PDB file of N, CA and C in Angstrom:
ATOM      1  N   UNK A   1      -6.306  28.037 -30.590  1.00  0.00           N
ATOM      2  CA  UNK A   1      -5.496  27.499 -29.515  1.00  0.00           C
ATOM      3  C   UNK A   1      -4.344  26.691 -30.097  1.00  0.00           C
ATOM      4  N   UNK A   2      -3.143  26.876 -29.567  1.00  0.00           N
ATOM      5  CA  UNK A   2      -2.009  26.103 -30.085  1.00  0.00           C
ATOM      6  C   UNK A   2      -2.123  24.636 -29.681  1.00  0.00           C
ATOM      7  N   UNK A   3      -1.627  23.772 -30.553  1.00  0.00           N
ATOM      8  CA  UNK A   3      -1.626  22.331 -30.284  1.00  0.00           C
ATOM      9  C   UNK A   3      -0.583  22.021 -29.217  1.00  0.00           C
ATOM     10  N   UNK A   4      -0.896  21.099 -28.311  1.00  0.00           N
ATOM     11  CA  UNK A   4       0.112  20.733 -27.309  1.00  0.00           C
ATOM     12  C   UNK A   4       1.265  19.993 -27.979  1.00  0.00           C
ATOM     13  N   UNK A   5       2.450  20.170 -27.448  1.00  0.00           N
ATOM     14  CA  UNK A   5       3.638  19.506 -27.967  1.00  0.00           C
ATOM     15  C   UNK A   5       3.590  18.048 -27.515  1.00  0.00           C
ATOM     16  N   UNK A   6       3.247  17.148 -28.446  1.00  0.00           N
ATOM     17  CA  UNK A   6       3.060  15.735 -28.103  1.00  0.00           C
ATOM     18  C   UNK A   6       4.360  15.080 -27.648  1.00  0.00           C
ATOM     19  N   UNK A   7       5.478  15.465 -28.256  1.00  0.00           N
ATOM     20  CA  UNK A   7       6.760  14.896 -27.831  1.00  0.00           C
ATOM     21  C   UNK A   7       7.074  15.265 -26.393  1.00  0.00           C
ATOM     22  N   UNK A   8       6.814  16.529 -26.060  1.00  0.00           N
ATOM     23  CA  UNK A   8       7.059  16.989 -24.685  1.00  0.00           C
ATOM     24  C   UNK A   8       6.139  16.264 -23.709  1.00  0.00           C
ATOM     25  N   UNK A   9       4.883  16.116 -24.088  1.00  0.00           N
ATOM     26  CA  UNK A   9       3.924  15.415 -23.222  1.00  0.00           C
ATOM     27  C   UNK A   9       4.345  13.957 -23.032  1.00  0.00           C
ATOM     28  N   UNK A  10       4.777  13.300 -24.090  1.00  0.00           N
ATOM     29  CA  UNK A  10       5.200  11.910 -24.008  1.00  0.00           C
ATOM     30  C   UNK A  10       6.407  11.776 -23.086  1.00  0.00           C
ATOM     31  N   UNK A  11       7.352  12.700 -23.194  1.00  0.00           N
ATOM     32  CA  UNK A  11       8.528  12.666 -22.314  1.00  0.00           C
ATOM     33  C   UNK A  11       8.108  12.831 -20.855  1.00  0.00           C
ATOM     34  N   UNK A  12       7.172  13.733 -20.596  1.00  0.00           N
ATOM     35  CA  UNK A  12       6.701  13.949 -19.229  1.00  0.00           C
ATOM     36  C   UNK A  12       6.013  12.696 -18.689  1.00  0.00           C
ATOM     37  N   UNK A  13       5.191  12.059 -19.510  1.00  0.00           N
ATOM     38  CA  UNK A  13       4.492  10.847 -19.092  1.00  0.00           C
ATOM     39  C   UNK A  13       5.496   9.719 -18.841  1.00  0.00           C
ATOM     40  N   UNK A  14       6.504   9.594 -19.696  1.00  0.00           N
ATOM     41  CA  UNK A  14       7.511   8.556 -19.513  1.00  0.00           C
ATOM     42  C   UNK A  14       8.313   8.786 -18.238  1.00  0.00           C
ATOM     43  N   UNK A  15       8.649  10.041 -17.931  1.00  0.00           N
ATOM     44  CA  UNK A  15       9.367  10.352 -16.698  1.00  0.00           C
ATOM     45  C   UNK A  15       8.497  10.031 -15.492  1.00  0.00           C
ATOM     46  N   UNK A  16       7.216  10.406 -15.568  1.00  0.00           N
ATOM     47  CA  UNK A  16       6.298  10.122 -14.466  1.00  0.00           C
ATOM     48  C   UNK A  16       6.181   8.612 -14.258  1.00  0.00           C
ATOM     49  N   UNK A  17       6.104   7.875 -15.350  1.00  0.00           N
ATOM     50  CA  UNK A  17       6.003   6.420 -15.268  1.00  0.00           C
ATOM     51  C   UNK A  17       7.253   5.836 -14.615  1.00  0.00           C
ATOM     52  N   UNK A  18       8.428   6.311 -14.982  1.00  0.00           N
ATOM     53  CA  UNK A  18       9.676   5.825 -14.386  1.00  0.00           C
ATOM     54  C   UNK A  18       9.729   6.173 -12.903  1.00  0.00           C
ATOM     55  N   UNK A  19       9.312   7.391 -12.560  1.00  0.00           N
ATOM     56  CA  UNK A  19       9.294   7.800 -11.154  1.00  0.00           C
ATOM     57  C   UNK A  19       8.325   6.938 -10.347  1.00  0.00           C
ATOM     58  N   UNK A  20       7.185   6.607 -10.943  1.00  0.00           N
ATOM     59  CA  UNK A  20       6.198   5.776 -10.242  1.00  0.00           C
ATOM     60  C   UNK A  20       6.735   4.358 -10.037  1.00  0.00           C
ATOM     61  N   UNK A  21       7.456   3.842 -11.013  1.00  0.00           N
ATOM     62  CA  UNK A  21       8.034   2.505 -10.862  1.00  0.00           C
ATOM     63  C   UNK A  21       9.058   2.497  -9.735  1.00  0.00           C
ATOM     64  N   UNK A  22       9.865   3.547  -9.639  1.00  0.00           N
ATOM     65  CA  UNK A  22      10.836   3.654  -8.548  1.00  0.00           C
ATOM     66  C   UNK A  22      10.117   3.732  -7.206  1.00  0.00           C
ATOM     67  N   UNK A  23       9.048   4.500  -7.151  1.00  0.00           N
ATOM     68  CA  UNK A  23       8.294   4.631  -5.903  1.00  0.00           C
ATOM     69  C   UNK A  23       7.663   3.301  -5.509  1.00  0.00           C
ATOM     70  N   UNK A  24       7.160   2.544  -6.488  1.00  0.00           N
ATOM     71  CA  UNK A  24       6.576   1.232  -6.194  1.00  0.00           C
ATOM     72  C   UNK A  24       7.637   0.276  -5.673  1.00  0.00           C
ATOM     73  N   UNK A  25       8.832   0.319  -6.248  1.00  0.00           N
ATOM     74  CA  UNK A  25       9.922  -0.524  -5.771  1.00  0.00           C
ATOM     75  C   UNK A  25      10.299  -0.143  -4.342  1.00  0.00           C
ATOM     76  N   UNK A  26      10.327   1.150  -4.066  1.00  0.00           N
ATOM     77  CA  UNK A  26      10.648   1.610  -2.715  1.00  0.00           C
ATOM     78  C   UNK A  26       9.582   1.151  -1.724  1.00  0.00           C
ATOM     79  N   UNK A  27       8.312   1.196  -2.129  1.00  0.00           N
ATOM     80  CA  UNK A  27       7.229   0.741  -1.246  1.00  0.00           C
ATOM     81  C   UNK A  27       7.397  -0.729  -0.889  1.00  0.00           C
ATOM     82  N   UNK A  28       7.888  -1.520  -1.822  1.00  0.00           N
ATOM     83  CA  UNK A  28       8.073  -2.946  -1.561  1.00  0.00           C
ATOM     84  C   UNK A  28       9.097  -3.180  -0.456  1.00  0.00           C
ATOM     85  N   UNK A  29       9.976  -2.206  -0.236  1.00  0.00           N
ATOM     86  CA  UNK A  29      11.009  -2.336   0.782  1.00  0.00           C
ATOM     87  C   UNK A  29      10.638  -1.703   2.116  1.00  0.00           C
ATOM     88  N   UNK A  30       9.492  -1.056   2.172  1.00  0.00           N
ATOM     89  CA  UNK A  30       9.051  -0.436   3.420  1.00  0.00           C
ATOM     90  C   UNK A  30       8.083  -1.362   4.137  1.00  0.00           C
ATOM     91  N   UNK A  31       8.151  -1.359   5.459  1.00  0.00           N
ATOM     92  CA  UNK A  31       7.227  -2.188   6.223  1.00  0.00           C
ATOM     93  C   UNK A  31       6.393  -1.327   7.158  1.00  0.00           C
ATOM     94  N   UNK A  32       5.200  -1.809   7.380  1.00  0.00           N
ATOM     95  CA  UNK A  32       4.250  -1.172   8.282  1.00  0.00           C
ATOM     96  C   UNK A  32       3.840  -2.235   9.291  1.00  0.00           C
ATOM     97  N   UNK A  33       3.696  -1.826  10.527  1.00  0.00           N
ATOM     98  CA  UNK A  33       3.277  -2.765  11.560  1.00  0.00           C
ATOM     99  C   UNK A  33       1.979  -2.248  12.166  1.00  0.00           C
ATOM    100  N   UNK A  34       1.015  -3.146  12.292  1.00  0.00           N
ATOM    101  CA  UNK A  34      -0.270  -2.790  12.911  1.00  0.00           C
ATOM    102  C   UNK A  34      -0.623  -3.885  13.901  1.00  0.00           C
ATOM    103  N   UNK A  35      -1.342  -3.490  14.953  1.00  0.00           N
ATOM    104  CA  UNK A  35      -1.708  -4.487  15.955  1.00  0.00           C
ATOM    105  C   UNK A  35      -3.160  -4.322  16.366  1.00  0.00           C
ATOM    106  N   UNK A  36      -3.645  -5.351  17.046  1.00  0.00           N
ATOM    107  CA  UNK A  36      -5.017  -5.346  17.562  1.00  0.00           C
ATOM    108  C   UNK A  36      -5.001  -6.049  18.914  1.00  0.00           C
ATOM    109  N   UNK A  37      -6.070  -5.841  19.654  1.00  0.00           N
ATOM    110  CA  UNK A  37      -6.178  -6.483  20.958  1.00  0.00           C
ATOM    111  C   UNK A  37      -5.117  -6.010  21.925  1.00  0.00           C
ATOM    112  N   UNK A  38      -4.781  -4.725  21.850  1.00  0.00           N
ATOM    113  CA  UNK A  38      -3.764  -4.192  22.755  1.00  0.00           C
ATOM    114  C   UNK A  38      -2.392  -4.796  22.517  1.00  0.00           C
ATOM    115  N   UNK A  39      -2.101  -5.146  21.276  1.00  0.00           N
ATOM    116  CA  UNK A  39      -0.810  -5.711  20.934  1.00  0.00           C
ATOM    117  C   UNK A  39      -0.762  -7.231  20.989  1.00  0.00           C
ATOM    118  N   UNK A  40      -1.911  -7.865  21.206  1.00  0.00           N
ATOM    119  CA  UNK A  40      -1.945  -9.325  21.276  1.00  0.00           C
ATOM    120  C   UNK A  40      -1.682  -9.953  19.900  1.00  0.00           C
ATOM    121  N   UNK A  41      -2.057  -9.248  18.844  1.00  0.00           N
ATOM    122  CA  UNK A  41      -1.801  -9.702  17.476  1.00  0.00           C
ATOM    123  C   UNK A  41      -1.140  -8.545  16.733  1.00  0.00           C
ATOM    124  N   UNK A  42      -0.004  -8.841  16.092  1.00  0.00           N
ATOM    125  CA  UNK A  42       0.721  -7.826  15.338  1.00  0.00           C
ATOM    126  C   UNK A  42       0.972  -8.352  13.932  1.00  0.00           C
ATOM    127  N   UNK A  43       0.708  -7.500  12.949  1.00  0.00           N
ATOM    128  CA  UNK A  43       0.907  -7.857  11.547  1.00  0.00           C
ATOM    129  C   UNK A  43       1.931  -6.895  10.955  1.00  0.00           C
ATOM    130  N   UNK A  44       2.879  -7.458  10.218  1.00  0.00           N
ATOM    131  CA  UNK A  44       3.859  -6.663   9.485  1.00  0.00           C
ATOM    132  C   UNK A  44       3.595  -6.877   8.001  1.00  0.00           C
ATOM    133  N   UNK A  45       3.475  -5.761   7.268  1.00  0.00           N
ATOM    134  CA  UNK A  45       3.139  -5.795   5.848  1.00  0.00           C
ATOM    135  C   UNK A  45       4.054  -4.823   5.120  1.00  0.00           C
ATOM    136  N   UNK A  46       4.349  -5.114   3.865  1.00  0.00           N
ATOM    137  CA  UNK A  46       5.156  -4.188   3.081  1.00  0.00           C
ATOM    138  C   UNK A  46       4.250  -3.142   2.448  1.00  0.00           C
ATOM    139  N   UNK A  47       4.869  -2.098   1.936  1.00  0.00           N
ATOM    140  CA  UNK A  47       4.118  -1.041   1.279  1.00  0.00           C
ATOM    141  C   UNK A  47       3.414  -1.491   0.021  1.00  0.00           C
ATOM    142  N   UNK A  48       3.833  -2.642  -0.531  1.00  0.00           N
ATOM    143  CA  UNK A  48       3.134  -3.165  -1.704  1.00  0.00           C
ATOM    144  C   UNK A  48       2.174  -4.300  -1.329  1.00  0.00           C
ATOM    145  N   UNK A  49       1.757  -4.327  -0.071  1.00  0.00           N
ATOM    146  CA  UNK A  49       0.702  -5.192   0.460  1.00  0.00           C
ATOM    147  C   UNK A  49       1.062  -6.678   0.564  1.00  0.00           C
ATOM    148  N   UNK A  50       2.326  -6.981   0.774  1.00  0.00           N
ATOM    149  CA  UNK A  50       2.718  -8.373   1.027  1.00  0.00           C
ATOM    150  C   UNK A  50       2.876  -8.554   2.534  1.00  0.00           C
ATOM    151  N   UNK A  51       2.095  -9.449   3.109  1.00  0.00           N
ATOM    152  CA  UNK A  51       2.190  -9.691   4.546  1.00  0.00           C
ATOM    153  C   UNK A  51       3.497 -10.423   4.819  1.00  0.00           C
ATOM    154  N   UNK A  52       4.296  -9.857   5.716  1.00  0.00           N
ATOM    155  CA  UNK A  52       5.598 -10.421   6.053  1.00  0.00           C
ATOM    156  C   UNK A  52       5.551 -11.288   7.299  1.00  0.00           C
ATOM    157  N   UNK A  53       4.712 -10.900   8.262  1.00  0.00           N
ATOM    158  CA  UNK A  53       4.675 -11.644   9.519  1.00  0.00           C
ATOM    159  C   UNK A  53       3.366 -11.382  10.250  1.00  0.00           C
ATOM    160  N   UNK A  54       2.945 -12.392  10.996  1.00  0.00           N
ATOM    161  CA  UNK A  54       1.830 -12.256  11.927  1.00  0.00           C
ATOM    162  C   UNK A  54       2.311 -12.840  13.244  1.00  0.00           C
ATOM    163  N   UNK A  55       2.323 -12.011  14.279  1.00  0.00           N
ATOM    164  CA  UNK A  55       2.752 -12.461  15.607  1.00  0.00           C
ATOM    165  C   UNK A  55       1.541 -12.499  16.529  1.00  0.00           C
ATOM    166  N   UNK A  56       1.394 -13.604  17.225  1.00  0.00           N
ATOM    167  CA  UNK A  56       0.266 -13.785  18.141  1.00  0.00           C
ATOM    168  C   UNK A  56       0.819 -14.067  19.531  1.00  0.00           C
ATOM    169  N   UNK A  57       0.449 -13.236  20.482  1.00  0.00           N
ATOM    170  CA  UNK A  57       0.844 -13.451  21.866  1.00  0.00           C
ATOM    171  C   UNK A  57       0.166 -14.726  22.361  1.00  0.00           C
ATOM    172  N   UNK A  58       0.907 -15.637  22.991  1.00  0.00           N
ATOM    173  CA  UNK A  58       0.303 -16.889  23.477  1.00  0.00           C
ATOM    174  C   UNK A  58      -0.921 -16.661  24.372  1.00  0.00           C
ATOM    175  N   UNK A  59      -0.950 -15.538  25.084  1.00  0.00           N
ATOM    176  CA  UNK A  59      -2.094 -15.253  25.947  1.00  0.00           C
ATOM    177  C   UNK A  59      -3.368 -14.983  25.140  1.00  0.00           C
ATOM    178  N   UNK A  60      -3.220 -14.701  23.851  1.00  0.00           N
ATOM    179  CA  UNK A  60      -4.389 -14.428  23.003  1.00  0.00           C
ATOM    180  C   UNK A  60      -5.070 -15.717  22.566  1.00  0.00           C
ATOM    181  N   UNK A  61      -4.427 -16.846  22.796  1.00  0.00           N
ATOM    182  CA  UNK A  61      -4.967 -18.131  22.346  1.00  0.00           C
ATOM    183  C   UNK A  61      -5.835 -18.724  23.453  1.00  0.00           C
ATOM    184  N   UNK A  62      -7.127 -18.614  23.266  1.00  0.00           N
ATOM    185  CA  UNK A  62      -8.101 -19.158  24.214  1.00  0.00           C
ATOM    186  C   UNK A  62      -8.910 -20.217  23.473  1.00  0.00           C
ATOM    187  N   UNK A  63      -8.682 -21.508  23.788  1.00  0.00           N
ATOM    188  CA  UNK A  63      -9.407 -22.563  23.082  1.00  0.00           C
ATOM    189  C   UNK A  63     -10.929 -22.447  23.224  1.00  0.00           C
ATOM    190  N   UNK A  64     -11.375 -21.743  24.255  1.00  0.00           N
ATOM    191  CA  UNK A  64     -12.807 -21.573  24.479  1.00  0.00           C
ATOM    192  C   UNK A  64     -13.396 -20.454  23.618  1.00  0.00           C
ATOM    193  N   UNK A  65     -12.524 -19.611  23.063  1.00  0.00           N
ATOM    194  CA  UNK A  65     -13.023 -18.457  22.304  1.00  0.00           C
ATOM    195  C   UNK A  65     -12.140 -18.195  21.072  1.00  0.00           C
ATOM    196  N   UNK A  66     -12.116 -19.116  20.108  1.00  0.00           N
ATOM    197  CA  UNK A  66     -11.280 -18.907  18.914  1.00  0.00           C
ATOM    198  C   UNK A  66     -11.740 -17.714  18.072  1.00  0.00           C
ATOM    199  N   UNK A  67     -13.007 -17.356  18.174  1.00  0.00           N
ATOM    200  CA  UNK A  67     -13.525 -16.227  17.393  1.00  0.00           C
ATOM    201  C   UNK A  67     -12.842 -14.916  17.785  1.00  0.00           C
ATOM    202  N   UNK A  68     -12.496 -14.765  19.057  1.00  0.00           N
ATOM    203  CA  UNK A  68     -11.835 -13.542  19.501  1.00  0.00           C
ATOM    204  C   UNK A  68     -10.476 -13.411  18.815  1.00  0.00           C
ATOM    205  N   UNK A  69      -9.719 -14.492  18.756  1.00  0.00           N
ATOM    206  CA  UNK A  69      -8.421 -14.470  18.092  1.00  0.00           C
ATOM    207  C   UNK A  69      -8.596 -14.195  16.589  1.00  0.00           C
ATOM    208  N   UNK A  70      -9.579 -14.825  15.993  1.00  0.00           N
ATOM    209  CA  UNK A  70      -9.854 -14.584  14.572  1.00  0.00           C
ATOM    210  C   UNK A  70     -10.154 -13.110  14.326  1.00  0.00           C
ATOM    211  N   UNK A  71     -10.967 -12.528  15.195  1.00  0.00           N
ATOM    212  CA  UNK A  71     -11.323 -11.114  15.045  1.00  0.00           C
ATOM    213  C   UNK A  71     -10.095 -10.208  15.192  1.00  0.00           C
ATOM    214  N   UNK A  72      -9.207 -10.536  16.145  1.00  0.00           N
ATOM    215  CA  UNK A  72      -8.004  -9.723  16.338  1.00  0.00           C
ATOM    216  C   UNK A  72      -7.078  -9.822  15.135  1.00  0.00           C
ATOM    217  N   UNK A  73      -6.916 -11.029  14.580  1.00  0.00           N
ATOM    218  CA  UNK A  73      -6.070 -11.198  13.398  1.00  0.00           C
ATOM    219  C   UNK A  73      -6.662 -10.410  12.234  1.00  0.00           C
ATOM    220  N   UNK A  74      -7.945 -10.533  12.033  1.00  0.00           N
ATOM    221  CA  UNK A  74      -8.616  -9.810  10.953  1.00  0.00           C
ATOM    222  C   UNK A  74      -8.458  -8.301  11.123  1.00  0.00           C
ATOM    223  N   UNK A  75      -8.656  -7.811  12.334  1.00  0.00           N
ATOM    224  CA  UNK A  75      -8.533  -6.377  12.593  1.00  0.00           C
ATOM    225  C   UNK A  75      -7.106  -5.890  12.331  1.00  0.00           C
ATOM    226  N   UNK A  76      -6.114  -6.650  12.775  1.00  0.00           N
ATOM    227  CA  UNK A  76      -4.720  -6.248  12.576  1.00  0.00           C
ATOM    228  C   UNK A  76      -4.350  -6.255  11.096  1.00  0.00           C
ATOM    229  N   UNK A  77      -4.775  -7.284  10.365  1.00  0.00           N
ATOM    230  CA  UNK A  77      -4.491  -7.353   8.926  1.00  0.00           C
ATOM    231  C   UNK A  77      -5.149  -6.184   8.198  1.00  0.00           C
ATOM    232  N   UNK A  78      -6.402  -5.926   8.489  1.00  0.00           N
ATOM    233  CA  UNK A  78      -7.103  -4.827   7.818  1.00  0.00           C
ATOM    234  C   UNK A  78      -6.467  -3.476   8.133  1.00  0.00           C
ATOM    235  N   UNK A  79      -6.028  -3.277   9.376  1.00  0.00           N
ATOM    236  CA  UNK A  79      -5.379  -2.018   9.739  1.00  0.00           C
ATOM    237  C   UNK A  79      -4.036  -1.889   9.027  1.00  0.00           C
ATOM    238  N   UNK A  80      -3.283  -2.976   8.932  1.00  0.00           N
ATOM    239  CA  UNK A  80      -2.001  -2.938   8.224  1.00  0.00           C
ATOM    240  C   UNK A  80      -2.210  -2.596   6.747  1.00  0.00           C
ATOM    241  N   UNK A  81      -3.200  -3.206   6.135  1.00  0.00           N
ATOM    242  CA  UNK A  81      -3.506  -2.911   4.724  1.00  0.00           C
ATOM    243  C   UNK A  81      -3.905  -1.453   4.561  1.00  0.00           C
ATOM    244  N   UNK A  82      -4.741  -0.959   5.464  1.00  0.00           N
ATOM    245  CA  UNK A  82      -5.172   0.440   5.385  1.00  0.00           C
ATOM    246  C   UNK A  82      -3.970   1.382   5.469  1.00  0.00           C
ATOM    247  N   UNK A  83      -3.068   1.113   6.414  1.00  0.00           N
ATOM    248  CA  UNK A  83      -1.891   1.967   6.573  1.00  0.00           C
ATOM    249  C   UNK A  83      -0.970   1.883   5.352  1.00  0.00           C
ATOM    250  N   UNK A  84      -0.807   0.690   4.796  1.00  0.00           N
ATOM    251  CA  UNK A  84       0.044   0.518   3.613  1.00  0.00           C
ATOM    252  C   UNK A  84      -0.556   1.255   2.416  1.00  0.00           C
ATOM    253  N   UNK A  85      -1.868   1.184   2.260  1.00  0.00           N
ATOM    254  CA  UNK A  85      -2.524   1.888   1.155  1.00  0.00           C
ATOM    255  C   UNK A  85      -2.407   3.403   1.330  1.00  0.00           C
ATOM    256  N   UNK A  86      -2.503   3.856   2.564  1.00  0.00           N
ATOM    257  CA  UNK A  86      -2.356   5.279   2.850  1.00  0.00           C
ATOM    258  C   UNK A  86      -0.938   5.743   2.503  1.00  0.00           C
ATOM    259  N   UNK A  87       0.066   4.944   2.872  1.00  0.00           N
ATOM    260  CA  UNK A  87       1.452   5.267   2.547  1.00  0.00           C
ATOM    261  C   UNK A  87       1.638   5.310   1.037  1.00  0.00           C
ATOM    262  N   UNK A  88       1.115   4.324   0.325  1.00  0.00           N
ATOM    263  CA  UNK A  88       1.235   4.279  -1.137  1.00  0.00           C
ATOM    264  C   UNK A  88       0.554   5.489  -1.773  1.00  0.00           C
ATOM    265  N   UNK A  89      -0.607   5.845  -1.279  1.00  0.00           N
ATOM    266  CA  UNK A  89      -1.334   6.998  -1.835  1.00  0.00           C
ATOM    267  C   UNK A  89      -0.528   8.283  -1.648  1.00  0.00           C
ATOM    268  N   UNK A  90       0.116   8.423  -0.488  1.00  0.00           N
ATOM    269  CA  UNK A  90       0.938   9.610  -0.244  1.00  0.00           C
ATOM    270  C   UNK A  90       2.100   9.658  -1.225  1.00  0.00           C
ATOM    271  N   UNK A  91       2.791   8.541  -1.364  1.00  0.00           N
ATOM    272  CA  UNK A  91       3.970   8.504  -2.228  1.00  0.00           C
ATOM    273  C   UNK A  91       3.595   8.678  -3.693  1.00  0.00           C
ATOM    274  N   UNK A  92       2.571   7.985  -4.140  1.00  0.00           N
ATOM    275  CA  UNK A  92       2.195   8.034  -5.548  1.00  0.00           C
ATOM    276  C   UNK A  92       1.466   9.332  -5.879  1.00  0.00           C
ATOM    277  N   UNK A  93       0.676   9.837  -4.957  1.00  0.00           N
ATOM    278  CA  UNK A  93      -0.056  11.080  -5.196  1.00  0.00           C
ATOM    279  C   UNK A  93       0.877  12.245  -5.428  1.00  0.00           C
ATOM    280  N   UNK A  94       2.032  12.238  -4.761  1.00  0.00           N
ATOM    281  CA  UNK A  94       3.005  13.292  -4.956  1.00  0.00           C
ATOM    282  C   UNK A  94       3.610  13.261  -6.346  1.00  0.00           C
ATOM    283  N   UNK A  95       3.685  12.089  -6.933  1.00  0.00           N
ATOM    284  CA  UNK A  95       4.273  11.965  -8.265  1.00  0.00           C
ATOM    285  C   UNK A  95       3.318  12.392  -9.361  1.00  0.00           C
ATOM    286  N   UNK A  96       2.045  12.140  -9.162  1.00  0.00           N
ATOM    287  CA  UNK A  96       1.068  12.434 -10.212  1.00  0.00           C
ATOM    288  C   UNK A  96       0.404  13.787 -10.023  1.00  0.00           C
ATOM    289  N   UNK A  97       0.713  14.451  -8.931  1.00  0.00           N
ATOM    290  CA  UNK A  97       0.097  15.745  -8.679  1.00  0.00           C
ATOM    291  C   UNK A  97      -1.394  15.630  -8.491  1.00  0.00           C
ATOM    292  N   UNK A  98      -1.860  14.448  -8.040  1.00  0.00           N
ATOM    293  CA  UNK A  98      -3.270  14.238  -7.808  1.00  0.00           C
ATOM    294  C   UNK A  98      -4.064  13.902  -9.048  1.00  0.00           C
ATOM    295  N   UNK A  99      -3.378  13.760 -10.204  1.00  0.00           N
ATOM    296  CA  UNK A  99      -4.092  13.439 -11.443  1.00  0.00           C
ATOM    297  C   UNK A  99      -4.579  12.005 -11.403  1.00  0.00           C
ATOM    298  N   UNK A 100      -5.717  11.754 -11.996  1.00  0.00           N
ATOM    299  CA  UNK A 100      -6.221  10.399 -12.175  1.00  0.00           C
ATOM    300  C   UNK A 100      -5.648   9.870 -13.472  1.00  0.00           C
ATOM    301  N   UNK A 101      -4.741   8.886 -13.358  1.00  0.00           N
ATOM    302  CA  UNK A 101      -4.083   8.365 -14.544  1.00  0.00           C
ATOM    303  C   UNK A 101      -4.724   7.081 -15.047  1.00  0.00           C
ATOM    304  N   UNK A 102      -5.908   6.797 -14.596  1.00  0.00           N
ATOM    305  CA  UNK A 102      -6.584   5.577 -15.026  1.00  0.00           C
ATOM    306  C   UNK A 102      -6.735   5.505 -16.532  1.00  0.00           C
ATOM    307  N   UNK A 103      -6.946   6.619 -17.178  1.00  0.00           N
ATOM    308  CA  UNK A 103      -7.126   6.629 -18.631  1.00  0.00           C
ATOM    309  C   UNK A 103      -5.844   6.271 -19.359  1.00  0.00           C
ATOM    310  N   UNK A 104      -4.688   6.489 -18.746  1.00  0.00           N
ATOM    311  CA  UNK A 104      -3.437   6.180 -19.419  1.00  0.00           C
ATOM    312  C   UNK A 104      -3.230   4.672 -19.591  1.00  0.00           C
ATOM    313  N   UNK A 105      -3.872   3.886 -18.742  1.00  0.00           N
ATOM    314  CA  UNK A 105      -3.748   2.436 -18.884  1.00  0.00           C
ATOM    315  C   UNK A 105      -4.228   1.972 -20.249  1.00  0.00           C
ATOM    316  N   UNK A 106      -5.217   2.626 -20.801  1.00  0.00           N
ATOM    317  CA  UNK A 106      -5.720   2.287 -22.108  1.00  0.00           C
ATOM    318  C   UNK A 106      -4.771   2.664 -23.232  1.00  0.00           C
ATOM    319  N   UNK A 107      -3.778   3.478 -22.908  1.00  0.00           N
ATOM    320  CA  UNK A 107      -2.789   3.885 -23.908  1.00  0.00           C
ATOM    321  C   UNK A 107      -1.568   2.986 -23.896  1.00  0.00           C
ATOM    322  N   UNK A 108      -1.591   1.957 -23.029  1.00  0.00           N
ATOM    323  CA  UNK A 108      -0.445   1.065 -22.938  1.00  0.00           C
ATOM    324  C   UNK A 108       0.695   1.639 -22.144  1.00  0.00           C
ATOM    325  N   UNK A 109       0.422   2.666 -21.339  1.00  0.00           N
ATOM    326  CA  UNK A 109       1.481   3.304 -20.536  1.00  0.00           C
ATOM    327  C   UNK A 109       1.451   2.817 -19.118  1.00  0.00           C
TER     328      UNK A 109
END
């Protein structure tokens, strides 16, 4: 079997790494909005998982039932994170062709 061309492979990995960095930067500029409680709580998060805003409808604030508001905030945050991770997986998965690049971290790449 012929040996793989290491220079060619290194160039491909470096290009993939540069493309992934660009995609990560682009994700940081994208926002996702998720809500809970029929829109009573809305969370805005970036594609790189930085929460930008949490909006709470005043009608959601019931001093007799703070747990309900806590649950709605938690649900909205978790949904926003899920959607952001899904967006990141779509964008990054297209760059790697579905390859698991976890092993490359050990190579300093």
